[in-house]
Amino acid sequence: MPFIHEDFLLSNESARRLYHEYAENEPILDYHCHLPPRDVAQNRQFQNLFEIWLEGDHYKWRAMRANGVDERYCTGDASPQEKFTAWAGTVPYTLRNPLYHWTHLELKRYFGIDDLLDEKTAPAVWERANSLLAGSDLRAHGILARFHVKAVCTTDDPTDDLDWHAVIAATDLATKVFPCFRPDKALNVHLPEAFNAWVAKLEAVSNTSISSLNDFVGALHKRHDFFHSMGGRLSDHGVNHAFGEFAHDGEAARIFDCARSGRAAEPDEQARFAGYMMLLFGRWDAEKGWTKQLHLGALRNANTRRFRELGADVGFDSIGDWPQAGALRAYLDRLDQENALPKMVFYTLNPADNYVTATMIGDFQDGSVPGKMQMGSGWWFQDQKEAMQWQMNALSNCGLISRFIGMLTDSRSFMSYPRHEYFRRVLCDLLGRDMESGELPKDFSLVGPTVKNICYQNAKQFLGLAVE
């Protein structure tokens, strides 16, 4: 039997039936990812297995470094095949890491390869994969069709002109591709050089002269409106923690003016300015019926030397341990008091915060929308079997897993769509075990539709995207 077989991760008969009858054939709504819109617009054809699989994959780079592989084979100047071979040599050492599962699931689903990847099998895998990549089926559009991806929500800065989204919208691509508004750089008044360079981009794209906080807010609101006109219905914020203190208009204007003049905001000033801006973003999302996503708890760029050498997003980030409850409650409560609390999804990177999140979302459910406050799926370092179970157990114990909007890729890679399959197998095994033990009724007419909804329907209904 091959390692990846039809009942992979499904440990009992109920799990197998749930997966094969209710989950396996559901389409995908990838409502948070980092796919480059340009690659979709141009229907990118990948030249080799490195381009589609290893290019920009910091998960693999972390494993390779841990295995003693030189940086030249991660982000350096080694050839594509040399980098692939270095990864293949690392794979046997990733046992019990989710990378081992993902690697072989992806090789199976994209290329029909059942061989376990290592240095010996690497040449044959390289040749077979590259020959298949030369065809049309594994171009960007072919991949989206193969995995029944109904919609993709990319992650876009407010200064992005969204021209590639316009190109995509003018094609007959069956997969809908929507922008997602991510204004993280609007909070960076503590980094005036970078902040002012970004404001210059905002001026250009919004055709607005920005000399005051009011101008700044107006330009951002204009971009928010533009994203909506392009089909965007989600925002996203990658912040270490929620901001629970809020500058008043005058203080926010002073902090903004100081940053524009080149003076860095102090930490407490930056936090209050960020809180001020996050309230505005929340109000705009609520006005338009958008869904706001908060990605909380990442300790980014932990290795200063490597950050200076290689930049951000190359695998030197980890889980942070900031207190979340007080500030998160303050933020949600402030918006709720204004009747301006949008639909929200909370992704917590630190599993210690799972029950904080699972219980707090219950404080702000208001009966207007099923599952209005969502505990997002396991994210980043929690994007694996055990942590997915932790997330679903916390949500089940404190809320309604039946209203859960399920999985996303959060990936820059077109090779990541089997992560939905991985999640669905974990979900079905979790519920199947409960059915087998008698903790849930062995009633497939009850549990089966719940699985189907979590896989696709809940997200489709909740997010309000223009998807058939």
Protein backbone atom coordinates (compact mmCIF):
# COMPACT_ATOMS: atom_id res chain seq x y z
CA MET A 1 0.00 0.00 0.00
CA PRO A 2 1.41 3.46 -0.85
CA PHE A 3 2.01 5.91 2.00
CA ILE A 4 -0.70 8.28 0.71
CA HIS A 5 -3.75 6.06 0.19
CA GLU A 6 -7.49 6.70 0.06
CA ASP A 7 -7.91 6.33 3.84
CA PHE A 8 -4.83 8.29 4.88
CA LEU A 9 -5.35 9.74 8.41
CA LEU A 10 -8.80 8.13 8.66
CA SER A 11 -8.54 5.72 11.58
CA ASN A 12 -12.07 4.29 11.73
CA GLU A 13 -15.04 3.41 9.58
CA SER A 14 -17.10 6.45 10.55
CA ALA A 15 -14.24 8.78 9.67
CA ARG A 16 -13.82 7.08 6.31
CA ARG A 17 -17.50 7.40 5.50
CA LEU A 18 -17.62 11.06 6.58
CA TYR A 19 -14.65 11.90 4.41
CA HIS A 20 -15.55 9.99 1.27
CA GLU A 21 -19.27 10.80 1.31
CA TYR A 22 -19.35 14.35 2.69
CA ALA A 23 -15.93 16.03 2.48
CA GLU A 24 -13.84 14.68 -0.35
CA ASN A 25 -15.69 16.25 -3.25
CA GLU A 26 -16.54 19.61 -1.75
CA PRO A 27 -15.08 22.62 -3.61
CA ILE A 28 -12.57 24.98 -2.05
CA LEU A 29 -13.06 28.58 -0.99
CA ASP A 30 -9.54 29.79 -0.20
CA TYR A 31 -10.51 32.95 1.64
CA HIS A 32 -7.02 33.84 2.87
CA CYS A 33 -3.85 33.23 0.90
CA HIS A 34 -0.79 34.99 -0.47
CA LEU A 35 -0.90 33.80 -4.07
CA PRO A 36 0.52 36.46 -6.42
CA PRO A 37 -2.37 37.84 -8.52
CA ARG A 38 0.10 38.32 -11.35
CA ASP A 39 0.71 34.57 -11.54
CA VAL A 40 -3.03 33.95 -11.87
CA ALA A 41 -3.51 36.74 -14.40
CA GLN A 42 -0.68 35.43 -16.58
CA ASN A 43 -1.66 31.78 -16.09
CA ARG A 44 1.89 31.13 -15.00
CA GLN A 45 3.64 28.05 -16.30
CA PHE A 46 6.21 26.79 -13.80
CA GLN A 47 9.51 25.83 -15.37
CA ASN A 48 10.45 23.20 -12.83
CA LEU A 49 9.59 21.68 -9.47
CA PHE A 50 11.65 24.28 -7.64
CA GLU A 51 9.58 27.15 -8.99
CA ILE A 52 6.22 25.71 -8.01
CA TRP A 53 7.27 24.00 -4.78
CA LEU A 54 10.32 25.57 -3.14
CA GLU A 55 10.35 29.16 -4.31
CA GLY A 56 9.63 31.26 -1.20
CA ASP A 57 8.74 28.29 1.05
CA HIS A 58 10.08 29.25 4.46
CA TYR A 59 8.57 26.13 6.05
CA LYS A 60 11.00 24.01 4.05
CA TRP A 61 13.89 26.40 4.62
CA ARG A 62 13.50 26.13 8.39
CA ALA A 63 13.65 22.34 8.19
CA MET A 64 16.66 22.43 5.88
CA ARG A 65 18.60 24.75 8.18
CA ALA A 66 17.75 22.54 11.13
CA ASN A 67 19.17 19.64 9.13
CA GLY A 68 22.48 21.41 8.61
CA VAL A 69 21.85 22.58 5.04
CA ASP A 70 23.78 25.69 4.03
CA GLU A 71 21.81 28.87 3.27
CA ARG A 72 23.03 28.70 -0.31
CA TYR A 73 20.50 25.89 -0.86
CA CYS A 74 17.65 27.77 0.81
CA THR A 75 17.65 31.43 -0.24
CA GLY A 76 21.09 31.51 -1.91
CA ASP A 77 22.53 31.11 -5.38
CA ALA A 78 22.42 27.32 -5.78
CA SER A 79 20.69 26.11 -8.92
CA PRO A 80 17.01 25.11 -8.79
CA GLN A 81 17.89 21.41 -9.05
CA GLU A 82 20.55 21.69 -6.35
CA LYS A 83 18.01 23.30 -4.03
CA PHE A 84 15.46 20.59 -4.76
CA THR A 85 18.04 17.88 -4.12
CA ALA A 86 18.96 19.51 -0.80
CA TRP A 87 15.27 19.50 0.17
CA ALA A 88 14.89 15.87 -0.90
CA GLY A 89 17.83 14.97 1.34
CA THR A 90 16.10 16.67 4.26
CA VAL A 91 12.70 15.01 3.83
CA PRO A 92 13.61 11.70 5.57
CA TYR A 93 14.56 13.75 8.64
CA THR A 94 11.14 15.42 8.80
CA LEU A 95 9.33 12.38 10.22
CA ARG A 96 6.43 13.55 12.46
CA ASN A 97 6.75 17.07 11.09
CA PRO A 98 3.69 18.03 8.99
CA LEU A 99 6.09 18.68 6.14
CA TYR A 100 6.45 14.93 5.71
CA HIS A 101 2.72 14.54 5.20
CA TRP A 102 2.37 17.63 3.01
CA THR A 103 5.34 16.68 0.84
CA HIS A 104 4.01 13.27 -0.09
CA LEU A 105 0.39 14.40 -0.34
CA GLU A 106 1.44 17.12 -2.78
CA LEU A 107 3.62 14.80 -4.88
CA LYS A 108 0.70 12.37 -5.09
CA ARG A 109 -2.02 14.87 -5.94
CA TYR A 110 -0.09 16.96 -8.48
CA PHE A 111 2.15 14.39 -10.14
CA GLY A 112 0.81 10.96 -9.21
CA ILE A 113 4.10 10.15 -7.47
CA ASP A 114 3.95 7.53 -4.70
CA ASP A 115 7.71 7.25 -4.10
CA LEU A 116 8.98 8.43 -0.73
CA LEU A 117 11.17 11.44 -1.43
CA ASP A 118 14.86 11.24 -0.54
CA GLU A 119 18.18 11.79 -2.27
CA LYS A 120 17.89 8.48 -4.15
CA THR A 121 14.44 9.13 -5.57
CA ALA A 122 15.05 12.84 -6.16
CA PRO A 123 16.35 12.58 -9.77
CA ALA A 124 13.35 10.56 -10.97
CA VAL A 125 10.88 12.79 -9.08
CA TRP A 126 12.53 15.89 -10.58
CA GLU A 127 12.27 14.56 -14.11
CA ARG A 128 8.68 13.30 -13.84
CA ALA A 129 7.39 16.46 -12.17
CA ASN A 130 9.14 18.74 -14.66
CA SER A 131 7.74 16.80 -17.62
CA LEU A 132 4.20 17.21 -16.25
CA LEU A 133 4.74 20.90 -15.50
CA ALA A 134 5.49 21.42 -19.18
CA GLY A 135 1.83 20.70 -19.99
CA SER A 136 -1.18 22.97 -19.52
CA ASP A 137 -2.84 21.04 -16.69
CA LEU A 138 -0.40 22.35 -14.09
CA ARG A 139 -0.35 25.97 -15.14
CA ALA A 140 -1.98 28.30 -12.59
CA HIS A 141 -5.46 28.06 -14.11
CA GLY A 142 -5.25 24.30 -14.51
CA ILE A 143 -4.34 23.87 -10.84
CA LEU A 144 -7.28 26.00 -9.68
CA ALA A 145 -9.60 23.93 -11.84
CA ARG A 146 -8.13 20.58 -10.75
CA PHE A 147 -8.75 21.33 -7.07
CA HIS A 148 -12.23 22.83 -7.65
CA VAL A 149 -11.22 26.20 -6.21
CA LYS A 150 -14.31 28.36 -6.42
CA ALA A 151 -12.68 31.50 -5.08
CA VAL A 152 -9.35 32.86 -3.90
CA CYS A 153 -8.85 35.91 -1.68
CA THR A 154 -5.36 37.31 -2.05
CA THR A 155 -3.68 39.59 0.49
CA ASP A 156 -3.14 43.11 -0.80
CA ASP A 157 -1.70 46.36 0.47
CA PRO A 158 -3.95 49.44 0.17
CA THR A 159 -1.36 50.94 -2.18
CA ASP A 160 -1.73 48.05 -4.65
CA ASP A 161 -3.40 49.27 -7.85
CA LEU A 162 -5.17 45.87 -8.22
CA ASP A 163 -4.47 45.94 -11.96
CA TRP A 164 -3.81 42.19 -12.01
CA HIS A 165 -7.17 41.62 -10.36
CA ALA A 166 -8.77 43.62 -13.14
CA VAL A 167 -7.01 41.47 -15.73
CA ILE A 168 -8.25 38.29 -14.02
CA ALA A 169 -11.81 39.61 -13.80
CA ALA A 170 -11.80 40.19 -17.57
CA THR A 171 -10.94 36.54 -18.31
CA ASP A 172 -13.22 33.52 -18.37
CA LEU A 173 -11.42 31.90 -15.43
CA ALA A 174 -14.00 29.95 -13.45
CA THR A 175 -12.21 30.65 -10.15
CA LYS A 176 -13.07 34.06 -8.75
CA VAL A 177 -10.11 36.04 -7.39
CA PHE A 178 -10.84 38.81 -4.90
CA PRO A 179 -8.53 41.28 -3.15
CA CYS A 180 -8.26 41.48 0.63
CA PHE A 181 -7.46 44.83 2.28
CA ARG A 182 -4.38 44.55 4.55
CA PRO A 183 -3.35 47.98 5.90
CA ASP A 184 -0.65 46.90 8.37
CA LYS A 185 1.78 49.59 7.14
CA ALA A 186 -0.68 52.31 8.09
CA LEU A 187 0.19 51.65 11.75
CA ASN A 188 3.96 52.12 11.43
CA VAL A 189 4.36 55.61 12.87
CA HIS A 190 7.25 54.23 14.96
CA LEU A 191 9.19 53.67 11.71
CA PRO A 192 8.96 57.12 10.09
CA GLU A 193 11.28 56.49 7.14
CA ALA A 194 9.37 53.43 5.99
CA PHE A 195 6.04 54.99 6.96
CA ASN A 196 6.61 58.12 4.88
CA ALA A 197 7.76 56.13 1.87
CA TRP A 198 4.53 54.14 2.13
CA VAL A 199 2.42 57.29 2.51
CA ALA A 200 3.98 58.56 -0.73
CA LYS A 201 2.72 55.41 -2.47
CA LEU A 202 -0.70 55.94 -0.92
CA GLU A 203 -0.76 59.51 -2.24
CA ALA A 204 0.04 58.33 -5.74
CA VAL A 205 -2.46 55.49 -5.92
CA SER A 206 -5.29 57.51 -4.34
CA ASN A 207 -4.46 60.71 -6.25
CA THR A 208 -4.54 62.55 -2.93
CA SER A 209 -2.12 64.98 -1.31
CA ILE A 210 -1.58 63.88 2.29
CA SER A 211 -0.54 66.66 4.64
CA SER A 212 -2.73 65.82 7.64
CA LEU A 213 -4.28 62.91 9.46
CA ASN A 214 -7.62 63.71 7.85
CA ASP A 215 -6.01 63.47 4.43
CA PHE A 216 -4.41 60.16 5.41
CA VAL A 217 -7.68 58.69 6.66
CA GLY A 218 -9.51 59.96 3.60
CA ALA A 219 -7.01 58.35 1.24
CA LEU A 220 -7.26 55.02 3.04
CA HIS A 221 -11.06 55.18 3.01
CA LYS A 222 -10.91 55.85 -0.70
CA ARG A 223 -8.80 52.72 -1.16
CA HIS A 224 -11.20 50.72 1.02
CA ASP A 225 -14.01 51.82 -1.28
CA PHE A 226 -11.95 50.84 -4.33
CA PHE A 227 -11.27 47.35 -2.96
CA HIS A 228 -15.03 46.97 -2.44
CA SER A 229 -15.67 47.97 -6.06
CA MET A 230 -13.22 45.23 -7.11
CA GLY A 231 -15.19 42.58 -5.22
CA GLY A 232 -13.21 42.68 -1.97
CA ARG A 233 -15.24 41.75 1.08
CA LEU A 234 -12.49 40.97 3.60
CA SER A 235 -9.79 42.84 5.45
CA ASP A 236 -6.85 41.36 7.30
CA HIS A 237 -4.44 42.55 9.96
CA GLY A 238 -1.20 40.86 10.94
CA VAL A 239 -0.57 42.24 14.43
CA ASN A 240 1.30 40.79 17.41
CA HIS A 241 -1.62 41.53 19.67
CA ALA A 242 -4.83 43.51 19.66
CA PHE A 243 -4.70 47.20 20.50
CA GLY A 244 -6.88 48.15 23.46
CA GLU A 245 -6.00 51.82 23.98
CA PHE A 246 -7.23 54.44 21.57
CA ALA A 247 -5.85 57.89 20.84
CA HIS A 248 -8.38 60.70 20.50
CA ASP A 249 -8.48 62.69 17.28
CA GLY A 250 -6.08 65.38 18.46
CA GLU A 251 -3.50 62.96 19.83
CA ALA A 252 -3.67 60.80 16.72
CA ALA A 253 -3.12 63.90 14.56
CA ARG A 254 -0.11 64.93 16.64
CA ILE A 255 1.45 61.46 16.44
CA PHE A 256 0.85 61.39 12.69
CA ASP A 257 2.39 64.84 12.20
CA CYS A 258 5.46 63.84 14.21
CA ALA A 259 5.96 60.72 12.11
CA ARG A 260 5.61 62.76 8.93
CA SER A 261 8.31 65.09 10.20
CA GLY A 262 10.62 62.14 10.84
CA ARG A 263 10.20 61.60 14.60
CA ALA A 264 9.48 58.03 15.57
CA ALA A 265 6.48 57.49 17.81
CA GLU A 266 7.23 56.06 21.23
CA PRO A 267 5.87 52.55 21.88
CA ASP A 268 2.86 53.79 23.84
CA GLU A 269 2.11 56.42 21.19
CA GLN A 270 2.33 53.88 18.40
CA ALA A 271 -0.03 51.54 20.28
CA ARG A 272 -2.63 54.27 20.78
CA PHE A 273 -2.33 55.41 17.16
CA ALA A 274 -2.73 51.82 16.02
CA GLY A 275 -5.79 51.47 18.24
CA TYR A 276 -7.24 54.64 16.70
CA MET A 277 -6.71 53.35 13.17
CA MET A 278 -8.02 49.88 13.97
CA LEU A 279 -11.28 51.42 15.18
CA LEU A 280 -11.62 53.22 11.87
CA PHE A 281 -10.94 50.05 9.91
CA GLY A 282 -13.48 48.16 12.00
CA ARG A 283 -16.16 50.80 11.35
CA TRP A 284 -15.53 50.75 7.60
CA ASP A 285 -15.73 46.96 7.50
CA ALA A 286 -19.00 46.99 9.43
CA GLU A 287 -20.50 49.66 7.16
CA LYS A 288 -19.81 47.56 4.08
CA GLY A 289 -20.67 44.16 5.58
CA TRP A 290 -17.07 42.96 5.26
CA THR A 291 -15.35 40.31 7.35
CA LYS A 292 -12.33 41.42 9.36
CA GLN A 293 -9.52 38.93 10.00
CA LEU A 294 -7.03 39.31 12.86
CA HIS A 295 -3.82 37.27 12.76
CA LEU A 296 -2.51 37.45 16.31
CA GLY A 297 0.58 36.23 18.10
CA ALA A 298 3.49 36.01 15.64
CA LEU A 299 6.97 36.97 16.84
CA ARG A 300 8.44 38.09 13.55
CA ASN A 301 12.07 38.54 12.50
CA ALA A 302 13.41 37.09 15.74
CA ASN A 303 16.94 36.69 14.35
CA THR A 304 18.33 40.18 13.80
CA ARG A 305 21.42 39.07 11.89
CA ARG A 306 19.40 36.99 9.47
CA PHE A 307 16.82 39.77 9.05
CA ARG A 308 19.60 42.18 8.07
CA GLU A 309 21.09 39.65 5.67
CA LEU A 310 17.96 38.17 4.09
CA GLY A 311 14.96 40.35 4.97
CA ALA A 312 11.54 39.33 6.24
CA ASP A 313 9.41 36.22 5.59
CA VAL A 314 12.29 33.79 5.11
CA GLY A 315 11.73 31.54 8.11
CA PHE A 316 13.00 33.37 11.17
CA ASP A 317 9.66 33.91 12.90
CA SER A 318 8.12 32.06 15.83
CA ILE A 319 5.21 32.05 18.26
CA GLY A 320 4.94 35.05 20.59
CA ASP A 321 3.41 35.14 24.05
CA TRP A 322 1.72 38.52 24.38
CA PRO A 323 -1.29 38.81 26.68
CA GLN A 324 -4.31 38.99 24.38
CA ALA A 325 -7.49 38.97 26.44
CA GLY A 326 -7.61 42.50 27.90
CA ALA A 327 -6.76 44.44 24.76
CA LEU A 328 -8.86 42.22 22.51
CA ARG A 329 -11.86 42.63 24.77
CA ALA A 330 -11.37 46.42 24.84
CA TYR A 331 -11.22 46.62 21.04
CA LEU A 332 -14.25 44.45 20.43
CA ASP A 333 -16.23 46.12 23.19
CA ARG A 334 -15.53 49.60 21.85
CA LEU A 335 -16.77 48.68 18.37
CA ASP A 336 -19.74 46.81 19.83
CA GLN A 337 -20.78 49.85 21.88
CA GLU A 338 -20.84 51.83 18.64
CA ASN A 339 -22.87 49.14 16.86
CA ALA A 340 -19.88 48.95 14.52
CA LEU A 341 -18.58 45.44 15.16
CA PRO A 342 -18.07 43.65 11.83
CA LYS A 343 -18.03 39.93 11.22
CA MET A 344 -14.62 38.74 12.37
CA VAL A 345 -12.23 35.81 12.19
CA PHE A 346 -9.54 35.41 14.86
CA TYR A 347 -6.42 33.35 14.13
CA THR A 348 -4.29 32.78 17.20
CA LEU A 349 -0.75 31.55 16.68
CA ASN A 350 -0.12 30.70 20.32
CA PRO A 351 -2.12 27.59 21.31
CA ALA A 352 -2.14 28.90 24.88
CA ASP A 353 -4.63 31.48 23.59
CA ASN A 354 -7.05 28.97 22.09
CA TYR A 355 -9.49 29.05 24.98
CA VAL A 356 -9.13 32.81 25.39
CA THR A 357 -10.24 33.18 21.78
CA ALA A 358 -12.89 30.47 21.87
CA THR A 359 -14.58 31.99 24.91
CA MET A 360 -14.22 35.65 23.96
CA ILE A 361 -15.92 35.24 20.62
CA GLY A 362 -18.96 34.09 22.59
CA ASP A 363 -19.01 37.43 24.41
CA PHE A 364 -19.70 39.25 21.15
CA GLN A 365 -22.03 36.96 19.23
CA ASP A 366 -25.20 38.99 18.76
CA GLY A 367 -27.64 36.71 16.93
CA SER A 368 -27.51 38.78 13.74
CA VAL A 369 -25.32 36.35 11.76
CA PRO A 370 -24.67 32.67 12.52
CA GLY A 371 -21.10 32.46 13.77
CA LYS A 372 -20.53 36.21 13.45
CA MET A 373 -17.39 35.90 15.57
CA GLN A 374 -15.25 33.08 14.18
CA MET A 375 -12.31 31.22 15.71
CA GLY A 376 -10.13 30.76 12.67
CA SER A 377 -8.44 27.53 11.69
CA GLY A 378 -5.03 26.51 12.98
CA TRP A 379 -2.56 29.04 11.58
CA TRP A 380 1.11 28.75 10.60
CA PHE A 381 2.78 26.71 13.35
CA GLN A 382 -0.67 25.36 14.26
CA ASP A 383 -1.38 24.33 10.69
CA GLN A 384 -0.91 20.62 11.42
CA LYS A 385 -2.88 17.67 12.71
CA GLU A 386 -2.41 18.02 16.46
CA ALA A 387 -2.94 21.78 16.58
CA MET A 388 -5.92 21.57 14.23
CA GLN A 389 -7.46 19.19 16.75
CA TRP A 390 -6.65 21.61 19.59
CA GLN A 391 -8.35 24.45 17.73
CA MET A 392 -11.43 22.39 16.89
CA ASN A 393 -11.67 21.00 20.41
CA ALA A 394 -11.54 24.48 21.95
CA LEU A 395 -14.14 25.75 19.51
CA SER A 396 -16.37 22.72 20.08
CA ASN A 397 -16.16 22.99 23.86
CA CYS A 398 -16.88 26.71 24.00
CA GLY A 399 -18.88 27.46 20.86
CA LEU A 400 -20.42 25.94 17.75
CA ILE A 401 -18.08 24.00 15.51
CA SER A 402 -21.08 23.48 13.23
CA ARG A 403 -20.78 27.16 12.23
CA PHE A 404 -16.99 26.99 11.67
CA ILE A 405 -15.90 28.37 8.26
CA GLY A 406 -13.07 25.88 7.93
CA MET A 407 -9.74 25.82 6.20
CA LEU A 408 -7.62 28.16 4.09
CA THR A 409 -4.13 27.82 2.62
CA ASP A 410 -2.44 31.01 3.93
CA SER A 411 0.18 30.14 1.32
CA ARG A 412 2.20 31.71 -1.46
CA SER A 413 2.37 28.39 -3.29
CA PHE A 414 0.08 26.86 -5.90
CA MET A 415 1.15 23.49 -4.44
CA SER A 416 -0.74 24.07 -1.18
CA TYR A 417 -4.27 23.03 -2.09
CA PRO A 418 -3.90 19.53 -0.59
CA ARG A 419 -3.83 21.30 2.78
CA HIS A 420 -7.62 21.46 2.45
CA GLU A 421 -7.70 17.70 1.98
CA TYR A 422 -5.38 17.28 4.97
CA PHE A 423 -7.66 19.43 7.13
CA ARG A 424 -10.78 17.58 5.96
CA ARG A 425 -9.25 14.23 6.82
CA VAL A 426 -8.31 15.50 10.28
CA LEU A 427 -11.83 16.90 10.77
CA CYS A 428 -13.51 13.67 9.69
CA ASP A 429 -11.23 11.55 11.86
CA LEU A 430 -11.97 13.75 14.88
CA LEU A 431 -15.73 13.49 14.43
CA GLY A 432 -15.54 9.83 13.37
CA ARG A 433 -13.74 8.91 16.58
CA ASP A 434 -16.53 10.56 18.57
CA MET A 435 -19.13 8.62 16.61
CA GLU A 436 -17.31 5.34 17.16
CA SER A 437 -16.96 5.98 20.91
CA GLY A 438 -20.59 7.01 21.34
CA GLU A 439 -19.76 10.64 22.17
CA LEU A 440 -21.69 11.65 19.05
CA PRO A 441 -24.68 9.85 17.56
CA LYS A 442 -23.79 7.47 14.78
CA ASP A 443 -26.19 9.38 12.60
CA PHE A 444 -24.64 10.36 9.28
CA SER A 445 -27.66 12.48 8.37
CA LEU A 446 -26.73 14.67 11.36
CA VAL A 447 -22.93 14.69 11.33
CA GLY A 448 -22.41 14.43 7.56
CA PRO A 449 -23.99 17.78 6.65
CA THR A 450 -21.96 19.42 9.43
CA VAL A 451 -18.80 18.17 7.75
CA LYS A 452 -19.99 19.35 4.34
CA ASN A 453 -20.80 22.80 5.72
CA ILE A 454 -17.44 23.22 7.43
CA CYS A 455 -15.63 22.24 4.23
CA TYR A 456 -17.30 24.86 2.02
CA GLN A 457 -20.87 26.00 2.58
CA ASN A 458 -20.33 27.88 5.85
CA ALA A 459 -17.58 30.01 4.34
CA LYS A 460 -19.60 30.70 1.21
CA GLN A 461 -22.62 31.87 3.20
CA PHE A 462 -20.63 33.77 5.83
CA LEU A 463 -18.24 35.76 3.64
CA GLY A 464 -20.76 37.09 1.12
CA LEU A 465 -18.42 36.77 -1.85
CA ALA A 466 -19.81 36.76 -5.39
CA VAL A 467 -19.35 33.00 -5.82
CA GLU A 468 -21.81 30.69 -7.54
